[in-house]
C-alpha atoms as a PDB file:
ATOM      1  CA  MET A   1     -82.720 112.484 -35.256  1.00  0.00           C
ATOM      2  CA  ASN A   2     -83.885 115.972 -36.169  1.00  0.00           C
ATOM      3  CA  LYS A   3     -81.680 117.799 -38.574  1.00  0.00           C
ATOM      4  CA  PRO A   4     -81.622 121.591 -38.598  1.00  0.00           C
ATOM      5  CA  SER A   5     -83.599 123.050 -41.440  1.00  0.00           C
ATOM      6  CA  CYS A   6     -81.935 125.029 -44.162  1.00  0.00           C
ATOM      7  CA  GLN A   7     -83.516 127.896 -46.025  1.00  0.00           C
ATOM      8  CA  VAL A   8     -82.465 128.672 -49.571  1.00  0.00           C
ATOM      9  CA  VAL A   9     -82.922 132.246 -50.728  1.00  0.00           C
ATOM     10  CA  THR A  10     -82.465 133.264 -54.341  1.00  0.00           C
ATOM     11  CA  TYR A  11     -82.428 136.767 -55.736  1.00  0.00           C
ATOM     12  CA  ASP A  12     -83.313 138.121 -59.158  1.00  0.00           C
ATOM     13  CA  PHE A  13     -80.788 140.952 -59.160  1.00  0.00           C
ATOM     14  CA  ASN A  14     -81.463 141.792 -62.807  1.00  0.00           C
ATOM     15  CA  GLY A  15     -85.159 142.283 -62.030  1.00  0.00           C
ATOM     16  CA  LEU A  16     -84.386 144.195 -58.854  1.00  0.00           C
ATOM     17  CA  LEU A  17     -82.091 146.593 -60.714  1.00  0.00           C
ATOM     18  CA  ALA A  18     -84.649 147.022 -63.496  1.00  0.00           C
ATOM     19  CA  ALA A  19     -87.386 147.876 -60.975  1.00  0.00           C
ATOM     20  CA  LEU A  20     -85.166 150.379 -59.172  1.00  0.00           C
ATOM     21  CA  THR A  21     -83.915 152.115 -62.314  1.00  0.00           C
ATOM     22  CA  GLY A  22     -86.829 151.854 -64.749  1.00  0.00           C
ATOM     23  CA  THR A  23     -84.762 149.760 -67.163  1.00  0.00           C
ATOM     24  CA  ARG A  24     -85.084 146.256 -68.638  1.00  0.00           C
ATOM     25  CA  ALA A  25     -83.754 143.294 -66.655  1.00  0.00           C
ATOM     26  CA  LYS A  26     -82.094 141.740 -69.720  1.00  0.00           C
ATOM     27  CA  ALA A  27     -79.922 144.831 -70.157  1.00  0.00           C
ATOM     28  CA  TRP A  28     -78.098 144.190 -66.845  1.00  0.00           C
ATOM     29  CA  LYS A  29     -75.103 141.820 -66.944  1.00  0.00           C
ATOM     30  CA  SER A  30     -73.127 140.465 -64.015  1.00  0.00           C
ATOM     31  CA  GLN A  31     -69.540 141.750 -63.772  1.00  0.00           C
ATOM     32  CA  ASN A  32     -66.477 140.992 -61.707  1.00  0.00           C
ATOM     33  CA  GLY A  33     -65.554 143.530 -59.090  1.00  0.00           C
ATOM     34  CA  PRO A  34     -63.495 143.975 -55.947  1.00  0.00           C
ATOM     35  CA  ASP A  35     -64.366 142.274 -52.679  1.00  0.00           C
ATOM     36  CA  THR A  36     -65.094 144.830 -49.969  1.00  0.00           C
ATOM     37  CA  ARG A  37     -64.725 142.141 -47.277  1.00  0.00           C
ATOM     38  CA  CYS A  38     -67.966 143.397 -45.765  1.00  0.00           C
ATOM     39  CA  GLY A  39     -70.830 141.080 -46.628  1.00  0.00           C
ATOM     40  CA  VAL A  40     -71.313 139.803 -50.166  1.00  0.00           C
ATOM     41  CA  ASP A  41     -70.706 142.015 -53.204  1.00  0.00           C
ATOM     42  CA  TYR A  42     -72.306 141.876 -56.642  1.00  0.00           C
ATOM     43  CA  TYR A  43     -71.464 144.081 -59.600  1.00  0.00           C
ATOM     44  CA  TYR A  44     -73.583 144.689 -62.698  1.00  0.00           C
ATOM     45  CA  ALA A  45     -73.251 146.738 -65.865  1.00  0.00           C
ATOM     46  CA  HIS A  46     -76.122 148.040 -67.992  1.00  0.00           C
ATOM     47  CA  SER A  47     -75.964 148.182 -71.773  1.00  0.00           C
ATOM     48  CA  SER A  48     -76.289 151.988 -71.515  1.00  0.00           C
ATOM     49  CA  GLY A  49     -73.054 152.176 -69.519  1.00  0.00           C
ATOM     50  CA  LYS A  50     -74.567 152.414 -66.019  1.00  0.00           C
ATOM     51  CA  GLU A  51     -72.828 150.430 -63.312  1.00  0.00           C
ATOM     52  CA  ALA A  52     -74.517 148.932 -60.257  1.00  0.00           C
ATOM     53  CA  TYR A  53     -73.159 147.611 -57.000  1.00  0.00           C
ATOM     54  CA  ILE A  54     -75.154 145.428 -54.615  1.00  0.00           C
ATOM     55  CA  ASN A  55     -73.864 144.663 -51.125  1.00  0.00           C
ATOM     56  CA  ILE A  56     -75.632 142.308 -48.735  1.00  0.00           C
ATOM     57  CA  ASP A  57     -74.375 142.441 -45.174  1.00  0.00           C
ATOM     58  CA  GLN A  58     -76.292 140.565 -42.458  1.00  0.00           C
ATOM     59  CA  GLY A  59     -79.521 140.734 -44.471  1.00  0.00           C
ATOM     60  CA  HIS A  60     -79.227 144.465 -45.179  1.00  0.00           C
ATOM     61  CA  PHE A  61     -79.042 145.419 -48.849  1.00  0.00           C
ATOM     62  CA  THR A  62     -77.354 148.489 -50.254  1.00  0.00           C
ATOM     63  CA  VAL A  63     -77.901 149.026 -53.962  1.00  0.00           C
ATOM     64  CA  SER A  64     -75.990 151.777 -55.748  1.00  0.00           C
ATOM     65  CA  VAL A  65     -76.131 152.809 -59.393  1.00  0.00           C
ATOM     66  CA  ASP A  66     -73.327 154.989 -60.719  1.00  0.00           C
ATOM     67  CA  GLY A  67     -72.259 155.694 -57.131  1.00  0.00           C
ATOM     68  CA  GLU A  68     -75.712 156.841 -55.940  1.00  0.00           C
ATOM     69  CA  THR A  69     -77.577 154.717 -53.390  1.00  0.00           C
ATOM     70  CA  VAL A  70     -80.963 153.790 -54.869  1.00  0.00           C
ATOM     71  CA  PHE A  71     -82.049 151.330 -52.166  1.00  0.00           C
ATOM     72  CA  SER A  72     -81.061 150.491 -48.623  1.00  0.00           C
ATOM     73  CA  GLY A  73     -82.823 147.915 -46.466  1.00  0.00           C
ATOM     74  CA  ASP A  74     -84.498 144.538 -46.908  1.00  0.00           C
ATOM     75  CA  PRO A  75     -86.211 144.036 -50.278  1.00  0.00           C
ATOM     76  CA  THR A  76     -88.721 141.641 -48.711  1.00  0.00           C
ATOM     77  CA  ASP A  77     -90.096 144.607 -46.743  1.00  0.00           C
ATOM     78  CA  ASP A  78     -90.722 146.591 -49.939  1.00  0.00           C
ATOM     79  CA  PRO A  79     -93.912 145.671 -51.857  1.00  0.00           C
ATOM     80  CA  LYS A  80     -92.282 146.655 -55.175  1.00  0.00           C
ATOM     81  CA  LEU A  81     -89.134 144.575 -54.588  1.00  0.00           C
ATOM     82  CA  LYS A  82     -90.191 141.505 -52.616  1.00  0.00           C
ATOM     83  CA  ARG A  83     -91.119 139.634 -55.805  1.00  0.00           C
ATOM     84  CA  PHE A  84     -87.401 139.488 -56.669  1.00  0.00           C
ATOM     85  CA  VAL A  85     -86.646 137.372 -53.582  1.00  0.00           C
ATOM     86  CA  SER A  86     -87.554 133.690 -53.505  1.00  0.00           C
ATOM     87  CA  GLU A  87     -87.374 131.691 -50.282  1.00  0.00           C
ATOM     88  CA  GLN A  88     -87.534 127.889 -50.359  1.00  0.00           C
END
């Protein structure tokens, strides 16, 4: 019996945020935040006080830092960002 395959995708959000903002990955820490009920939400805070919000909805990423969108799209399509996505 053939079972459907499953693909596991992991993201290095700290590295992604560091690449987008010119900061260090270790300075970003995961935070709790509200659920927008649209996709999956991730919240991060930087040691400098910056706040980041990552939303993934149907494979489309929106990354905002301090309310300003710094990336929109699929990071695997971006040569600078695809290294922060691991597919197994």
